[in-house]
N, C-alpha and C. Protein backbone atom coordinates (compact mmCIF):
# COMPACT_ATOMS: atom_id res chain seq x y z
N MET A 1 16.65 0.87 -9.73
CA MET A 1 15.44 1.20 -10.47
C MET A 1 14.81 -0.07 -11.07
N GLU A 2 15.66 -1.02 -11.48
CA GLU A 2 15.16 -2.26 -12.06
C GLU A 2 14.32 -3.04 -11.05
N ALA A 3 14.73 -3.02 -9.78
CA ALA A 3 13.98 -3.73 -8.73
C ALA A 3 12.59 -3.11 -8.56
N ILE A 4 12.50 -1.80 -8.58
CA ILE A 4 11.20 -1.13 -8.42
C ILE A 4 10.30 -1.44 -9.62
N ILE A 5 10.83 -1.25 -10.81
CA ILE A 5 10.01 -1.44 -12.02
C ILE A 5 9.59 -2.90 -12.17
N GLY A 6 10.55 -3.81 -12.00
CA GLY A 6 10.22 -5.23 -12.12
C GLY A 6 9.19 -5.67 -11.09
N SER A 7 9.37 -5.22 -9.85
CA SER A 7 8.43 -5.56 -8.78
C SER A 7 7.06 -4.96 -9.04
N PHE A 8 7.04 -3.69 -9.47
CA PHE A 8 5.79 -2.99 -9.74
C PHE A 8 4.99 -3.71 -10.83
N VAL A 9 5.63 -3.94 -11.96
CA VAL A 9 4.94 -4.53 -13.11
C VAL A 9 4.42 -5.92 -12.78
N LEU A 10 5.27 -6.73 -12.16
CA LEU A 10 4.88 -8.10 -11.84
C LEU A 10 3.69 -8.14 -10.89
N VAL A 11 3.75 -7.36 -9.83
CA VAL A 11 2.67 -7.39 -8.84
C VAL A 11 1.41 -6.70 -9.36
N ALA A 12 1.54 -5.57 -10.03
CA ALA A 12 0.36 -4.87 -10.54
C ALA A 12 -0.41 -5.75 -11.52
N ALA A 13 0.31 -6.42 -12.39
CA ALA A 13 -0.36 -7.28 -13.38
C ALA A 13 -0.94 -8.53 -12.71
N SER A 14 -0.19 -9.14 -11.80
CA SER A 14 -0.68 -10.37 -11.19
C SER A 14 -1.81 -10.13 -10.20
N GLU A 15 -1.94 -8.93 -9.72
CA GLU A 15 -3.00 -8.60 -8.76
C GLU A 15 -4.35 -8.44 -9.44
N MET A 16 -4.35 -8.22 -10.76
CA MET A 16 -5.60 -8.05 -11.49
C MET A 16 -6.44 -9.32 -11.39
N GLY A 17 -7.62 -9.20 -10.83
CA GLY A 17 -8.52 -10.33 -10.67
C GLY A 17 -8.21 -11.20 -9.46
N ASP A 18 -7.20 -10.81 -8.67
CA ASP A 18 -6.80 -11.56 -7.48
C ASP A 18 -7.84 -11.33 -6.38
N LYS A 19 -7.86 -12.23 -5.38
CA LYS A 19 -8.86 -12.11 -4.32
C LYS A 19 -8.70 -10.81 -3.53
N THR A 20 -7.47 -10.29 -3.40
CA THR A 20 -7.32 -9.04 -2.67
C THR A 20 -7.86 -7.86 -3.48
N GLN A 21 -7.81 -7.96 -4.79
CA GLN A 21 -8.43 -6.90 -5.59
C GLN A 21 -9.95 -6.98 -5.45
N LEU A 22 -10.48 -8.19 -5.41
CA LEU A 22 -11.92 -8.35 -5.16
C LEU A 22 -12.29 -7.83 -3.78
N LEU A 23 -11.41 -8.06 -2.81
CA LEU A 23 -11.64 -7.56 -1.45
C LEU A 23 -11.63 -6.03 -1.44
N ALA A 24 -10.69 -5.43 -2.17
CA ALA A 24 -10.62 -3.96 -2.25
C ALA A 24 -11.92 -3.39 -2.81
N PHE A 25 -12.41 -4.01 -3.87
CA PHE A 25 -13.67 -3.58 -4.48
C PHE A 25 -14.82 -3.72 -3.49
N SER A 26 -14.84 -4.85 -2.77
CA SER A 26 -15.90 -5.12 -1.80
C SER A 26 -15.88 -4.10 -0.65
N LEU A 27 -14.68 -3.83 -0.12
CA LEU A 27 -14.56 -2.87 0.98
C LEU A 27 -14.95 -1.46 0.55
N ALA A 28 -14.55 -1.08 -0.66
CA ALA A 28 -14.91 0.25 -1.17
C ALA A 28 -16.42 0.36 -1.36
N SER A 29 -17.04 -0.72 -1.83
CA SER A 29 -18.49 -0.72 -2.01
C SER A 29 -19.21 -0.68 -0.66
N ARG A 30 -18.66 -1.40 0.32
CA ARG A 30 -19.30 -1.48 1.63
C ARG A 30 -19.20 -0.15 2.39
N PHE A 31 -18.02 0.44 2.41
CA PHE A 31 -17.80 1.62 3.25
C PHE A 31 -18.01 2.95 2.53
N ARG A 32 -17.90 2.95 1.22
CA ARG A 32 -18.07 4.18 0.43
C ARG A 32 -17.10 5.29 0.88
N LYS A 33 -15.90 4.89 1.31
CA LYS A 33 -14.84 5.82 1.70
C LYS A 33 -13.56 5.36 1.01
N PRO A 34 -13.43 5.67 -0.28
CA PRO A 34 -12.31 5.11 -1.05
C PRO A 34 -10.93 5.49 -0.52
N TRP A 35 -10.75 6.71 -0.05
CA TRP A 35 -9.43 7.13 0.43
C TRP A 35 -9.06 6.43 1.75
N VAL A 36 -10.05 6.17 2.58
CA VAL A 36 -9.80 5.46 3.83
C VAL A 36 -9.45 4.00 3.53
N VAL A 37 -10.17 3.40 2.60
CA VAL A 37 -9.88 2.02 2.19
C VAL A 37 -8.48 1.95 1.58
N MET A 38 -8.12 2.90 0.73
CA MET A 38 -6.79 2.91 0.11
C MET A 38 -5.70 3.06 1.17
N ALA A 39 -5.94 3.88 2.19
CA ALA A 39 -4.95 4.03 3.28
C ALA A 39 -4.78 2.71 4.03
N GLY A 40 -5.86 2.01 4.27
CA GLY A 40 -5.79 0.71 4.92
C GLY A 40 -5.04 -0.31 4.07
N ILE A 41 -5.28 -0.29 2.76
CA ILE A 41 -4.56 -1.18 1.84
C ILE A 41 -3.07 -0.87 1.87
N LEU A 42 -2.73 0.42 1.89
CA LEU A 42 -1.32 0.82 1.93
C LEU A 42 -0.61 0.29 3.17
N VAL A 43 -1.21 0.48 4.33
CA VAL A 43 -0.60 0.03 5.59
C VAL A 43 -0.46 -1.49 5.59
N ALA A 44 -1.50 -2.20 5.21
CA ALA A 44 -1.45 -3.67 5.20
C ALA A 44 -0.41 -4.18 4.21
N THR A 45 -0.35 -3.57 3.04
CA THR A 45 0.59 -4.00 2.01
C THR A 45 2.03 -3.73 2.43
N LEU A 46 2.28 -2.55 2.99
CA LEU A 46 3.64 -2.25 3.45
C LEU A 46 4.11 -3.28 4.47
N ALA A 47 3.27 -3.59 5.43
CA ALA A 47 3.64 -4.55 6.47
C ALA A 47 3.85 -5.94 5.86
N ASN A 48 2.92 -6.38 5.05
CA ASN A 48 2.99 -7.72 4.48
C ASN A 48 4.16 -7.87 3.52
N HIS A 49 4.36 -6.91 2.64
CA HIS A 49 5.41 -7.03 1.64
C HIS A 49 6.80 -6.75 2.21
N ALA A 50 6.91 -5.94 3.24
CA ALA A 50 8.21 -5.77 3.91
C ALA A 50 8.63 -7.09 4.55
N LEU A 51 7.69 -7.76 5.16
CA LEU A 51 7.96 -9.08 5.74
C LEU A 51 8.37 -10.07 4.65
N ALA A 52 7.62 -10.11 3.57
CA ALA A 52 7.91 -11.05 2.48
C ALA A 52 9.26 -10.73 1.81
N ALA A 53 9.54 -9.45 1.59
CA ALA A 53 10.82 -9.07 0.97
C ALA A 53 11.99 -9.40 1.88
N SER A 54 11.79 -9.26 3.18
CA SER A 54 12.86 -9.62 4.13
C SER A 54 13.17 -11.11 4.06
N VAL A 55 12.14 -11.92 3.97
CA VAL A 55 12.34 -13.36 3.85
C VAL A 55 13.08 -13.67 2.55
N GLY A 56 12.66 -13.05 1.46
CA GLY A 56 13.32 -13.28 0.17
C GLY A 56 14.77 -12.86 0.16
N SER A 57 15.05 -11.73 0.78
CA SER A 57 16.43 -11.25 0.86
C SER A 57 17.29 -12.18 1.71
N TRP A 58 16.74 -12.64 2.82
CA TRP A 58 17.48 -13.56 3.70
C TRP A 58 17.80 -14.86 2.95
N VAL A 59 16.81 -15.38 2.25
CA VAL A 59 17.00 -16.62 1.50
C VAL A 59 18.09 -16.44 0.44
N SER A 60 18.06 -15.31 -0.27
CA SER A 60 19.05 -15.11 -1.33
C SER A 60 20.46 -14.98 -0.78
N ALA A 61 20.60 -14.52 0.45
CA ALA A 61 21.92 -14.38 1.06
C ALA A 61 22.47 -15.73 1.55
N HIS A 62 21.60 -16.72 1.69
CA HIS A 62 22.01 -18.00 2.26
C HIS A 62 21.93 -19.17 1.29
N VAL A 63 21.52 -18.93 0.06
CA VAL A 63 21.40 -19.99 -0.94
C VAL A 63 22.34 -19.64 -2.10
N PRO A 64 23.11 -20.60 -2.58
CA PRO A 64 24.02 -20.33 -3.70
C PRO A 64 23.28 -19.78 -4.92
N PRO A 65 23.91 -18.88 -5.68
CA PRO A 65 23.24 -18.22 -6.82
C PRO A 65 22.63 -19.17 -7.85
N ARG A 66 23.32 -20.23 -8.19
CA ARG A 66 22.79 -21.16 -9.21
C ARG A 66 21.55 -21.88 -8.69
N VAL A 67 21.59 -22.30 -7.44
CA VAL A 67 20.42 -22.96 -6.83
C VAL A 67 19.27 -21.96 -6.72
N MET A 68 19.59 -20.73 -6.31
CA MET A 68 18.56 -19.68 -6.19
C MET A 68 17.91 -19.43 -7.54
N ALA A 69 18.70 -19.37 -8.61
CA ALA A 69 18.14 -19.13 -9.94
C ALA A 69 17.18 -20.26 -10.33
N GLY A 70 17.55 -21.50 -10.01
CA GLY A 70 16.66 -22.63 -10.31
C GLY A 70 15.38 -22.58 -9.51
N ILE A 71 15.50 -22.25 -8.23
CA ILE A 71 14.31 -22.13 -7.37
C ILE A 71 13.40 -21.02 -7.88
N LEU A 72 14.00 -19.87 -8.23
CA LEU A 72 13.20 -18.74 -8.73
C LEU A 72 12.51 -19.10 -10.04
N ALA A 73 13.22 -19.82 -10.92
CA ALA A 73 12.60 -20.23 -12.19
C ALA A 73 11.35 -21.07 -11.91
N ALA A 74 11.48 -22.04 -11.02
CA ALA A 74 10.34 -22.90 -10.68
C ALA A 74 9.21 -22.09 -10.04
N LEU A 75 9.58 -21.19 -9.13
CA LEU A 75 8.56 -20.37 -8.46
C LEU A 75 7.81 -19.48 -9.45
N PHE A 76 8.54 -18.76 -10.29
CA PHE A 76 7.89 -17.85 -11.23
C PHE A 76 7.00 -18.60 -12.22
N ILE A 77 7.46 -19.73 -12.71
CA ILE A 77 6.63 -20.53 -13.63
C ILE A 77 5.41 -21.06 -12.89
N GLY A 78 5.60 -21.50 -11.64
CA GLY A 78 4.47 -21.93 -10.82
C GLY A 78 3.47 -20.81 -10.58
N PHE A 79 3.98 -19.59 -10.32
CA PHE A 79 3.09 -18.44 -10.12
C PHE A 79 2.33 -18.13 -11.40
N GLY A 80 3.00 -18.31 -12.55
CA GLY A 80 2.31 -18.09 -13.82
C GLY A 80 1.14 -19.04 -13.99
N LEU A 81 1.37 -20.30 -13.66
CA LEU A 81 0.28 -21.29 -13.74
C LEU A 81 -0.82 -20.97 -12.73
N TRP A 82 -0.43 -20.57 -11.51
CA TRP A 82 -1.39 -20.21 -10.46
C TRP A 82 -2.24 -19.02 -10.90
N THR A 83 -1.61 -18.08 -11.58
CA THR A 83 -2.31 -16.88 -12.03
C THR A 83 -3.41 -17.20 -13.03
N LEU A 84 -3.24 -18.26 -13.79
CA LEU A 84 -4.25 -18.63 -14.79
C LEU A 84 -5.54 -19.13 -14.17
N LYS A 85 -5.49 -19.52 -12.90
CA LYS A 85 -6.69 -19.99 -12.19
C LYS A 85 -7.40 -18.78 -11.58
N PRO A 86 -8.66 -18.53 -11.94
CA PRO A 86 -9.37 -17.38 -11.39
C PRO A 86 -9.55 -17.47 -9.88
N ASP A 87 -9.40 -16.32 -9.22
CA ASP A 87 -9.62 -16.24 -7.78
C ASP A 87 -11.08 -15.93 -7.48
N THR A 88 -11.49 -16.33 -6.29
CA THR A 88 -12.81 -15.95 -5.78
C THR A 88 -12.60 -15.38 -4.39
N LEU A 89 -13.56 -14.67 -3.92
CA LEU A 89 -13.50 -14.08 -2.58
C LEU A 89 -14.61 -14.68 -1.75
N ASP A 90 -14.24 -15.36 -0.69
CA ASP A 90 -15.23 -15.90 0.24
C ASP A 90 -15.55 -14.80 1.24
N GLU A 91 -16.58 -14.04 0.93
CA GLU A 91 -16.90 -12.87 1.74
C GLU A 91 -17.85 -13.24 2.87
N THR A 92 -17.55 -12.74 4.05
CA THR A 92 -18.44 -12.95 5.18
C THR A 92 -19.38 -11.77 5.29
N ALA A 93 -20.55 -12.03 5.81
CA ALA A 93 -21.55 -10.98 5.92
C ALA A 93 -21.51 -10.29 7.27
N SER A 94 -20.48 -10.56 8.05
CA SER A 94 -20.41 -9.96 9.38
C SER A 94 -20.15 -8.45 9.29
N PRO A 95 -20.73 -7.70 10.18
CA PRO A 95 -20.53 -6.26 10.15
C PRO A 95 -19.12 -5.89 10.59
N ALA A 96 -18.67 -4.75 10.10
CA ALA A 96 -17.34 -4.26 10.47
C ALA A 96 -17.41 -3.64 11.86
N ARG A 97 -16.60 -4.15 12.77
CA ARG A 97 -16.61 -3.64 14.15
C ARG A 97 -15.66 -2.48 14.34
N PHE A 98 -14.64 -2.39 13.50
CA PHE A 98 -13.55 -1.46 13.76
C PHE A 98 -13.50 -0.26 12.84
N GLY A 99 -14.48 -0.06 12.02
CA GLY A 99 -14.47 1.05 11.08
C GLY A 99 -13.72 0.67 9.81
N PRO A 100 -13.82 1.53 8.79
CA PRO A 100 -13.26 1.17 7.49
C PRO A 100 -11.74 1.01 7.46
N PHE A 101 -11.00 1.85 8.17
CA PHE A 101 -9.53 1.78 8.10
C PHE A 101 -8.99 0.51 8.74
N ILE A 102 -9.34 0.27 10.00
CA ILE A 102 -8.83 -0.90 10.72
C ILE A 102 -9.34 -2.19 10.07
N THR A 103 -10.60 -2.21 9.66
CA THR A 103 -11.16 -3.37 8.99
C THR A 103 -10.37 -3.69 7.73
N THR A 104 -10.08 -2.66 6.93
CA THR A 104 -9.31 -2.85 5.70
C THR A 104 -7.91 -3.36 5.99
N VAL A 105 -7.24 -2.77 6.97
CA VAL A 105 -5.87 -3.20 7.31
C VAL A 105 -5.88 -4.68 7.70
N ILE A 106 -6.76 -5.06 8.58
CA ILE A 106 -6.80 -6.44 9.08
C ILE A 106 -7.16 -7.41 7.96
N LEU A 107 -8.26 -7.15 7.26
CA LEU A 107 -8.72 -8.06 6.21
C LEU A 107 -7.70 -8.17 5.08
N PHE A 108 -7.13 -7.03 4.69
CA PHE A 108 -6.19 -7.04 3.58
C PHE A 108 -4.89 -7.75 3.96
N PHE A 109 -4.39 -7.51 5.16
CA PHE A 109 -3.16 -8.18 5.61
C PHE A 109 -3.38 -9.69 5.63
N LEU A 110 -4.50 -10.12 6.20
CA LEU A 110 -4.79 -11.56 6.27
C LEU A 110 -5.01 -12.17 4.90
N ALA A 111 -5.68 -11.44 4.01
CA ALA A 111 -5.93 -11.96 2.66
C ALA A 111 -4.64 -12.13 1.88
N GLU A 112 -3.65 -11.30 2.15
CA GLU A 112 -2.36 -11.39 1.45
C GLU A 112 -1.48 -12.52 1.98
N MET A 113 -1.75 -13.01 3.19
CA MET A 113 -0.94 -14.09 3.75
C MET A 113 -1.12 -15.34 2.88
N GLY A 114 -0.02 -15.83 2.34
CA GLY A 114 -0.08 -17.02 1.51
C GLY A 114 -0.61 -16.78 0.11
N ASP A 115 -0.84 -15.52 -0.25
CA ASP A 115 -1.33 -15.18 -1.58
C ASP A 115 -0.17 -15.19 -2.57
N LYS A 116 -0.50 -15.34 -3.85
CA LYS A 116 0.57 -15.40 -4.85
C LYS A 116 1.38 -14.12 -4.90
N THR A 117 0.78 -12.96 -4.62
CA THR A 117 1.58 -11.73 -4.65
C THR A 117 2.55 -11.66 -3.47
N GLN A 118 2.19 -12.27 -2.34
CA GLN A 118 3.13 -12.32 -1.23
C GLN A 118 4.29 -13.23 -1.57
N PHE A 119 4.01 -14.39 -2.12
CA PHE A 119 5.08 -15.30 -2.53
C PHE A 119 5.91 -14.70 -3.66
N ALA A 120 5.24 -13.99 -4.57
CA ALA A 120 5.98 -13.31 -5.65
C ALA A 120 6.92 -12.26 -5.07
N THR A 121 6.49 -11.58 -4.02
CA THR A 121 7.35 -10.59 -3.37
C THR A 121 8.58 -11.25 -2.77
N VAL A 122 8.40 -12.41 -2.15
CA VAL A 122 9.54 -13.17 -1.62
C VAL A 122 10.51 -13.49 -2.76
N ALA A 123 9.97 -14.00 -3.87
CA ALA A 123 10.81 -14.39 -5.00
C ALA A 123 11.50 -13.19 -5.65
N VAL A 124 10.79 -12.10 -5.82
CA VAL A 124 11.38 -10.91 -6.44
C VAL A 124 12.47 -10.33 -5.53
N ALA A 125 12.25 -10.34 -4.23
CA ALA A 125 13.27 -9.85 -3.30
C ALA A 125 14.51 -10.75 -3.34
N ALA A 126 14.30 -12.03 -3.49
CA ALA A 126 15.44 -12.95 -3.62
C ALA A 126 16.19 -12.67 -4.93
N ARG A 127 15.45 -12.34 -5.97
CA ARG A 127 16.08 -12.06 -7.26
C ARG A 127 16.87 -10.76 -7.22
N TYR A 128 16.28 -9.70 -6.69
CA TYR A 128 16.92 -8.38 -6.70
C TYR A 128 17.74 -8.10 -5.45
N GLN A 129 17.57 -8.90 -4.41
CA GLN A 129 18.31 -8.76 -3.16
C GLN A 129 18.21 -7.34 -2.58
N SER A 130 16.98 -6.83 -2.56
CA SER A 130 16.75 -5.49 -2.02
C SER A 130 15.38 -5.43 -1.35
N VAL A 131 15.39 -5.48 -0.03
CA VAL A 131 14.14 -5.44 0.72
C VAL A 131 13.41 -4.12 0.47
N PHE A 132 14.12 -3.02 0.60
CA PHE A 132 13.48 -1.71 0.50
C PHE A 132 12.88 -1.47 -0.88
N TRP A 133 13.68 -1.62 -1.94
CA TRP A 133 13.20 -1.27 -3.27
C TRP A 133 12.14 -2.25 -3.78
N VAL A 134 12.25 -3.50 -3.40
CA VAL A 134 11.21 -4.46 -3.79
C VAL A 134 9.91 -4.14 -3.05
N THR A 135 10.01 -3.80 -1.76
CA THR A 135 8.81 -3.43 -1.01
C THR A 135 8.15 -2.19 -1.62
N VAL A 136 8.96 -1.22 -2.02
CA VAL A 136 8.43 -0.02 -2.68
C VAL A 136 7.73 -0.41 -3.98
N GLY A 137 8.40 -1.21 -4.81
CA GLY A 137 7.82 -1.59 -6.10
C GLY A 137 6.56 -2.42 -5.98
N THR A 138 6.59 -3.42 -5.09
CA THR A 138 5.40 -4.27 -4.95
C THR A 138 4.24 -3.51 -4.32
N THR A 139 4.56 -2.63 -3.38
CA THR A 139 3.50 -1.82 -2.76
C THR A 139 2.87 -0.88 -3.78
N LEU A 140 3.69 -0.24 -4.60
CA LEU A 140 3.15 0.63 -5.65
C LEU A 140 2.30 -0.18 -6.63
N GLY A 141 2.75 -1.39 -6.95
CA GLY A 141 1.96 -2.25 -7.84
C GLY A 141 0.61 -2.62 -7.24
N MET A 142 0.63 -2.95 -5.94
CA MET A 142 -0.63 -3.27 -5.24
C MET A 142 -1.55 -2.04 -5.21
N MET A 143 -0.97 -0.88 -4.94
CA MET A 143 -1.79 0.33 -4.85
C MET A 143 -2.40 0.67 -6.22
N ALA A 144 -1.63 0.51 -7.27
CA ALA A 144 -2.16 0.79 -8.61
C ALA A 144 -3.30 -0.16 -8.96
N SER A 145 -3.06 -1.43 -8.76
CA SER A 145 -4.07 -2.43 -9.10
C SER A 145 -5.32 -2.30 -8.23
N ASN A 146 -5.12 -2.16 -6.94
CA ASN A 146 -6.27 -2.06 -6.04
C ASN A 146 -6.93 -0.69 -6.10
N GLY A 147 -6.17 0.33 -6.49
CA GLY A 147 -6.77 1.64 -6.73
C GLY A 147 -7.80 1.57 -7.85
N LEU A 148 -7.47 0.78 -8.88
CA LEU A 148 -8.45 0.57 -9.96
C LEU A 148 -9.71 -0.07 -9.42
N ALA A 149 -9.55 -1.05 -8.54
CA ALA A 149 -10.72 -1.73 -7.97
C ALA A 149 -11.53 -0.78 -7.10
N VAL A 150 -10.84 0.03 -6.31
CA VAL A 150 -11.53 0.93 -5.39
C VAL A 150 -12.23 2.07 -6.13
N PHE A 151 -11.54 2.68 -7.09
CA PHE A 151 -12.08 3.88 -7.72
C PHE A 151 -12.81 3.63 -9.05
N LEU A 152 -12.43 2.58 -9.76
CA LEU A 152 -13.01 2.38 -11.08
C LEU A 152 -13.64 1.00 -11.27
N GLY A 153 -13.72 0.22 -10.21
CA GLY A 153 -14.15 -1.16 -10.31
C GLY A 153 -15.43 -1.40 -11.08
N GLU A 154 -16.45 -0.70 -10.73
CA GLU A 154 -17.74 -0.95 -11.39
C GLU A 154 -17.70 -0.57 -12.86
N LYS A 155 -16.99 0.50 -13.19
CA LYS A 155 -16.93 0.96 -14.57
C LYS A 155 -16.08 0.04 -15.44
N LEU A 156 -14.99 -0.51 -14.88
CA LEU A 156 -14.09 -1.35 -15.65
C LEU A 156 -14.55 -2.80 -15.74
N ALA A 157 -15.34 -3.25 -14.81
CA ALA A 157 -15.70 -4.67 -14.72
C ALA A 157 -16.32 -5.18 -16.02
N GLY A 158 -17.16 -4.40 -16.64
CA GLY A 158 -17.82 -4.86 -17.85
C GLY A 158 -17.01 -4.66 -19.12
N LYS A 159 -15.89 -3.95 -19.05
CA LYS A 159 -15.14 -3.61 -20.26
C LYS A 159 -13.88 -4.44 -20.47
N VAL A 160 -13.33 -4.99 -19.41
CA VAL A 160 -12.07 -5.73 -19.51
C VAL A 160 -12.32 -7.18 -19.13
N GLN A 161 -11.94 -8.09 -20.01
CA GLN A 161 -12.13 -9.51 -19.73
C GLN A 161 -11.04 -10.00 -18.78
N ALA A 162 -11.46 -10.60 -17.69
CA ALA A 162 -10.52 -11.10 -16.68
C ALA A 162 -9.58 -12.15 -17.26
N LYS A 163 -10.06 -12.91 -18.22
CA LYS A 163 -9.23 -13.95 -18.83
C LYS A 163 -7.98 -13.35 -19.46
N TRP A 164 -8.11 -12.23 -20.15
CA TRP A 164 -6.95 -11.61 -20.81
C TRP A 164 -6.00 -11.00 -19.78
N ILE A 165 -6.54 -10.48 -18.72
CA ILE A 165 -5.69 -9.93 -17.65
C ILE A 165 -4.89 -11.06 -17.01
N ARG A 166 -5.54 -12.18 -16.71
CA ARG A 166 -4.84 -13.33 -16.12
C ARG A 166 -3.73 -13.84 -17.04
N TRP A 167 -4.01 -13.95 -18.34
CA TRP A 167 -3.00 -14.44 -19.29
C TRP A 167 -1.83 -13.46 -19.38
N SER A 168 -2.11 -12.16 -19.34
CA SER A 168 -1.03 -11.17 -19.39
C SER A 168 -0.15 -11.27 -18.15
N ALA A 169 -0.77 -11.39 -16.98
CA ALA A 169 -0.01 -11.51 -15.74
C ALA A 169 0.79 -12.81 -15.72
N ALA A 170 0.18 -13.90 -16.16
CA ALA A 170 0.88 -15.18 -16.21
C ALA A 170 2.08 -15.10 -17.14
N SER A 171 1.93 -14.38 -18.24
CA SER A 171 3.05 -14.21 -19.18
C SER A 171 4.24 -13.53 -18.53
N LEU A 172 3.97 -12.54 -17.69
CA LEU A 172 5.07 -11.87 -16.97
C LEU A 172 5.77 -12.85 -16.03
N PHE A 173 5.02 -13.66 -15.31
CA PHE A 173 5.63 -14.65 -14.44
C PHE A 173 6.47 -15.64 -15.26
N PHE A 174 5.93 -16.07 -16.40
CA PHE A 174 6.67 -17.01 -17.24
C PHE A 174 7.97 -16.37 -17.75
N LEU A 175 7.90 -15.10 -18.11
CA LEU A 175 9.10 -14.39 -18.57
C LEU A 175 10.16 -14.35 -17.48
N PHE A 176 9.77 -13.96 -16.27
CA PHE A 176 10.71 -13.95 -15.14
C PHE A 176 11.25 -15.37 -14.90
N GLY A 177 10.40 -16.38 -15.04
CA GLY A 177 10.82 -17.76 -14.86
C GLY A 177 11.85 -18.19 -15.88
N ILE A 178 11.65 -17.81 -17.14
CA ILE A 178 12.59 -18.17 -18.21
C ILE A 178 13.94 -17.48 -17.98
N VAL A 179 13.91 -16.21 -17.60
CA VAL A 179 15.16 -15.49 -17.32
C VAL A 179 15.90 -16.17 -16.18
N SER A 180 15.20 -16.56 -15.13
CA SER A 180 15.83 -17.25 -14.00
C SER A 180 16.33 -18.63 -14.40
N LEU A 181 15.59 -19.33 -15.25
CA LEU A 181 16.01 -20.65 -15.71
C LEU A 181 17.30 -20.56 -16.53
N VAL A 182 17.37 -19.56 -17.40
CA VAL A 182 18.59 -19.35 -18.18
C VAL A 182 19.76 -19.05 -17.24
N ALA A 183 19.53 -18.25 -16.22
CA ALA A 183 20.58 -17.95 -15.25
C ALA A 183 21.02 -19.21 -14.52
N ALA A 184 20.08 -20.09 -14.19
CA ALA A 184 20.42 -21.33 -13.49
C ALA A 184 21.27 -22.24 -14.37
N VAL A 185 20.89 -22.35 -15.64
CA VAL A 185 21.62 -23.20 -16.58
C VAL A 185 23.03 -22.65 -16.80
N ARG A 186 23.14 -21.35 -16.91
CA ARG A 186 24.46 -20.72 -17.13
C ARG A 186 25.29 -20.68 -15.86
N GLY A 187 24.64 -20.89 -14.71
CA GLY A 187 25.38 -20.88 -13.45
C GLY A 187 25.74 -19.49 -12.95
N VAL A 188 24.87 -18.52 -13.25
CA VAL A 188 25.10 -17.15 -12.81
C VAL A 188 24.00 -16.73 -11.85
N SER A 189 24.22 -15.62 -11.17
CA SER A 189 23.22 -15.08 -10.25
C SER A 189 21.99 -14.67 -11.03
N PRO A 190 20.78 -14.86 -10.49
CA PRO A 190 19.55 -14.49 -11.19
C PRO A 190 19.43 -12.98 -11.41
N THR A 191 20.25 -12.18 -10.76
CA THR A 191 20.19 -10.73 -10.95
C THR A 191 21.19 -10.26 -11.99
N ALA A 192 22.02 -11.17 -12.49
CA ALA A 192 23.05 -10.78 -13.46
C ALA A 192 22.46 -10.58 -14.84
């Protein structure tokens, strides 16, 4: 349960204001089919985060616990700093050739490649050593965050300051980083 909750909270918070959330808002505005866009986001996220969690789990099985804790501490603190930098979406004006579902799957999967939430999924999977539960947690976090963009984006945009969302998400990364740093110093597994 800790893997699901930790993954969910970390990804849901860090996704706020992220380029994929901006993409979700853009796709929902363009196609006006929120449930189809959400289905596309779900498929893309499951594929992307299962891949990322698998990499994280493999790494954790092959790297000593103390070294892994140090690496995770650096990664989480780095993600916290990365989160403080606002994202932008370089949107192309090309028409969608494949309809809303396929377009969303393709664009969302590609936008997540190399994104901080994908790297965070790798790190969280390495921390919890559970591909399945981390994928479930991160996917639920992505769906919650992007669901807000798809269904409530226009209404929430003027009421919530992105700066405070970024600082809150960065704080979560810093917290995970400090916990991992303490584990590295103590010489214990980052999941202990």
